[in-house]
Amino acid sequence: MTKILRIYLSNTDTLHHQSLYEIISREAQDFGLQGATVLNGVMGFGPSSKLRSNKFWELNVKYPMVIELIDEESKLQNFLEKIKQELKDVHKGIVVTLHDVDVVFQTKGI
């Protein structure tokens, strides 16, 4: 069954001086997942309960992001096991969720 794996993190989360969302997106592509999308959050809060927002006039502001990965459940679970240690190594508030998804339309890209 097709699922969506969501990883909630911040734009400032890094690992080895690289943006974590870029690392995970590249690893998802290398792993052969069907698709990945990185979304910028406008506002949100996590375990710290500190409300963060994405205001265009503030430089270097921390704001929420979501990485959405779509594939079969077993492949997503295997990918999560592969990146779980990286997520722990960041030492930040990261949440990962897994949901059913009904793909109702899809075309093959160029």
C-alpha atoms as a PDB file:
ATOM      1  CA  MET A   1       0.000   0.000   0.000  1.00  0.00           C
ATOM      2  CA  THR A   2       1.228   3.502  -0.821  1.00  0.00           C
ATOM      3  CA  LYS A   3       2.115   5.639   2.190  1.00  0.00           C
ATOM      4  CA  ILE A   4       3.448   9.098   2.889  1.00  0.00           C
ATOM      5  CA  LEU A   5       6.288   9.586   5.362  1.00  0.00           C
ATOM      6  CA  ARG A   6       6.463  13.101   6.795  1.00  0.00           C
ATOM      7  CA  ILE A   7       9.520  14.449   8.556  1.00  0.00           C
ATOM      8  CA  TYR A   8       8.938  17.651  10.534  1.00  0.00           C
ATOM      9  CA  LEU A   9      12.092  19.666  11.131  1.00  0.00           C
ATOM     10  CA  SER A  10      13.481  23.214  10.967  1.00  0.00           C
ATOM     11  CA  ASN A  11      15.292  25.034   8.197  1.00  0.00           C
ATOM     12  CA  THR A  12      18.270  25.482  10.543  1.00  0.00           C
ATOM     13  CA  ASP A  13      18.736  21.754  11.239  1.00  0.00           C
ATOM     14  CA  THR A  14      22.099  20.671   9.854  1.00  0.00           C
ATOM     15  CA  LEU A  15      24.337  17.628   9.832  1.00  0.00           C
ATOM     16  CA  HIS A  16      28.022  17.896   8.928  1.00  0.00           C
ATOM     17  CA  HIS A  17      27.476  21.566   7.953  1.00  0.00           C
ATOM     18  CA  GLN A  18      24.765  20.690   5.394  1.00  0.00           C
ATOM     19  CA  SER A  19      21.035  21.359   5.548  1.00  0.00           C
ATOM     20  CA  LEU A  20      19.310  18.257   6.864  1.00  0.00           C
ATOM     21  CA  TYR A  21      16.407  18.610   4.414  1.00  0.00           C
ATOM     22  CA  GLU A  22      18.882  18.546   1.504  1.00  0.00           C
ATOM     23  CA  ILE A  23      20.703  15.513   2.886  1.00  0.00           C
ATOM     24  CA  ILE A  24      17.465  13.569   3.375  1.00  0.00           C
ATOM     25  CA  SER A  25      16.112  14.555  -0.054  1.00  0.00           C
ATOM     26  CA  ARG A  26      19.284  13.374  -1.797  1.00  0.00           C
ATOM     27  CA  GLU A  27      19.332  10.148   0.200  1.00  0.00           C
ATOM     28  CA  ALA A  28      15.671   9.525  -0.677  1.00  0.00           C
ATOM     29  CA  GLN A  29      16.496   9.956  -4.358  1.00  0.00           C
ATOM     30  CA  ASP A  30      19.538   7.669  -4.103  1.00  0.00           C
ATOM     31  CA  PHE A  31      17.392   5.114  -2.237  1.00  0.00           C
ATOM     32  CA  GLY A  32      14.988   5.108  -5.186  1.00  0.00           C
ATOM     33  CA  LEU A  33      11.872   6.410  -3.449  1.00  0.00           C
ATOM     34  CA  GLN A  34       8.993   7.383  -5.752  1.00  0.00           C
ATOM     35  CA  GLY A  35       8.908  11.026  -4.725  1.00  0.00           C
ATOM     36  CA  ALA A  36       9.984  13.696  -2.254  1.00  0.00           C
ATOM     37  CA  THR A  37       8.797  17.241  -1.636  1.00  0.00           C
ATOM     38  CA  VAL A  38      10.208  19.771   0.837  1.00  0.00           C
ATOM     39  CA  LEU A  39       7.710  22.314   2.158  1.00  0.00           C
ATOM     40  CA  ASN A  40       8.467  25.592   3.946  1.00  0.00           C
ATOM     41  CA  GLY A  41       6.226  26.195   6.918  1.00  0.00           C
ATOM     42  CA  VAL A  42       4.759  29.639   7.512  1.00  0.00           C
ATOM     43  CA  MET A  43       4.381  29.121  11.242  1.00  0.00           C
ATOM     44  CA  GLY A  44       4.539  26.308  13.755  1.00  0.00           C
ATOM     45  CA  PHE A  45       5.825  24.982  17.043  1.00  0.00           C
ATOM     46  CA  GLY A  46       7.197  21.705  18.278  1.00  0.00           C
ATOM     47  CA  PRO A  47       8.184  20.115  21.578  1.00  0.00           C
ATOM     48  CA  SER A  48       9.773  23.379  22.787  1.00  0.00           C
ATOM     49  CA  SER A  49       6.373  25.120  22.408  1.00  0.00           C
ATOM     50  CA  LYS A  50       8.191  28.136  20.954  1.00  0.00           C
ATOM     51  CA  LEU A  51       6.128  29.514  18.075  1.00  0.00           C
ATOM     52  CA  ARG A  52       8.284  30.077  14.974  1.00  0.00           C
ATOM     53  CA  SER A  53       7.253  32.002  11.892  1.00  0.00           C
ATOM     54  CA  ASN A  54       8.690  32.663   8.454  1.00  0.00           C
ATOM     55  CA  LYS A  55       8.767  36.468   8.172  1.00  0.00           C
ATOM     56  CA  PHE A  56      10.387  37.817   5.046  1.00  0.00           C
ATOM     57  CA  TRP A  57      11.888  40.845   6.812  1.00  0.00           C
ATOM     58  CA  GLU A  58      13.778  38.744   9.373  1.00  0.00           C
ATOM     59  CA  LEU A  59      17.110  37.302   8.300  1.00  0.00           C
ATOM     60  CA  ASN A  60      18.391  33.985   9.659  1.00  0.00           C
ATOM     61  CA  VAL A  61      15.062  33.154  11.238  1.00  0.00           C
ATOM     62  CA  LYS A  62      14.244  29.584  12.219  1.00  0.00           C
ATOM     63  CA  TYR A  63      11.043  28.247  10.690  1.00  0.00           C
ATOM     64  CA  PRO A  64       9.360  24.861  10.304  1.00  0.00           C
ATOM     65  CA  MET A  65       9.786  22.576   7.304  1.00  0.00           C
ATOM     66  CA  VAL A  66       8.245  19.275   6.250  1.00  0.00           C
ATOM     67  CA  ILE A  67       9.759  16.635   3.991  1.00  0.00           C
ATOM     68  CA  GLU A  68       7.106  14.441   2.360  1.00  0.00           C
ATOM     69  CA  LEU A  69       8.214  11.100   0.938  1.00  0.00           C
ATOM     70  CA  ILE A  70       5.861   8.821  -1.012  1.00  0.00           C
ATOM     71  CA  ASP A  71       6.324   5.116  -1.710  1.00  0.00           C
ATOM     72  CA  GLU A  72       5.271   1.666  -0.552  1.00  0.00           C
ATOM     73  CA  GLU A  73       5.237   1.228   3.231  1.00  0.00           C
ATOM     74  CA  SER A  74       8.041  -1.343   3.326  1.00  0.00           C
ATOM     75  CA  LYS A  75      10.358   0.869   1.294  1.00  0.00           C
ATOM     76  CA  LEU A  76       9.606   3.900   3.493  1.00  0.00           C
ATOM     77  CA  GLN A  77      10.208   1.848   6.648  1.00  0.00           C
ATOM     78  CA  ASN A  78      13.550   0.659   5.259  1.00  0.00           C
ATOM     79  CA  PHE A  79      14.500   4.224   4.359  1.00  0.00           C
ATOM     80  CA  LEU A  80      13.545   5.452   7.828  1.00  0.00           C
ATOM     81  CA  GLU A  81      15.779   2.800   9.406  1.00  0.00           C
ATOM     82  CA  LYS A  82      18.608   3.996   7.151  1.00  0.00           C
ATOM     83  CA  ILE A  83      18.294   7.668   8.202  1.00  0.00           C
ATOM     84  CA  LYS A  84      17.155   7.235  11.820  1.00  0.00           C
ATOM     85  CA  GLN A  85      20.661   7.625  13.253  1.00  0.00           C
ATOM     86  CA  GLU A  86      21.188  10.819  11.234  1.00  0.00           C
ATOM     87  CA  LEU A  87      17.958  12.216  12.660  1.00  0.00           C
ATOM     88  CA  LYS A  88      19.167  11.382  16.174  1.00  0.00           C
ATOM     89  CA  ASP A  89      22.614  12.902  15.527  1.00  0.00           C
ATOM     90  CA  VAL A  90      21.074  16.304  14.807  1.00  0.00           C
ATOM     91  CA  HIS A  91      19.958  16.580  18.475  1.00  0.00           C
ATOM     92  CA  LYS A  92      16.947  18.718  17.535  1.00  0.00           C
ATOM     93  CA  GLY A  93      13.199  18.305  17.797  1.00  0.00           C
ATOM     94  CA  ILE A  94      12.263  16.161  14.796  1.00  0.00           C
ATOM     95  CA  VAL A  95       8.977  14.300  14.366  1.00  0.00           C
ATOM     96  CA  VAL A  96       8.340  11.552  11.792  1.00  0.00           C
ATOM     97  CA  THR A  97       4.845  10.347  10.871  1.00  0.00           C
ATOM     98  CA  LEU A  98       3.557   7.691   8.466  1.00  0.00           C
ATOM     99  CA  HIS A  99       0.116   7.906   6.832  1.00  0.00           C
ATOM    100  CA  ASP A 100      -2.016   6.084   4.296  1.00  0.00           C
ATOM    101  CA  VAL A 101      -2.353   7.952   1.027  1.00  0.00           C
ATOM    102  CA  ASP A 102      -4.626   7.349  -1.934  1.00  0.00           C
ATOM    103  CA  VAL A 103      -2.876   8.273  -5.170  1.00  0.00           C
ATOM    104  CA  VAL A 104      -5.786   9.276  -7.420  1.00  0.00           C
ATOM    105  CA  PHE A 105      -3.804  10.581 -10.391  1.00  0.00           C
ATOM    106  CA  GLN A 106      -0.186  10.369 -11.484  1.00  0.00           C
ATOM    107  CA  THR A 107       1.713  11.042 -14.682  1.00  0.00           C
ATOM    108  CA  LYS A 108       5.299  10.229 -15.468  1.00  0.00           C
ATOM    109  CA  GLY A 109       7.567  13.274 -15.658  1.00  0.00           C
ATOM    110  CA  ILE A 110      10.173  14.014 -18.277  1.00  0.00           C
END
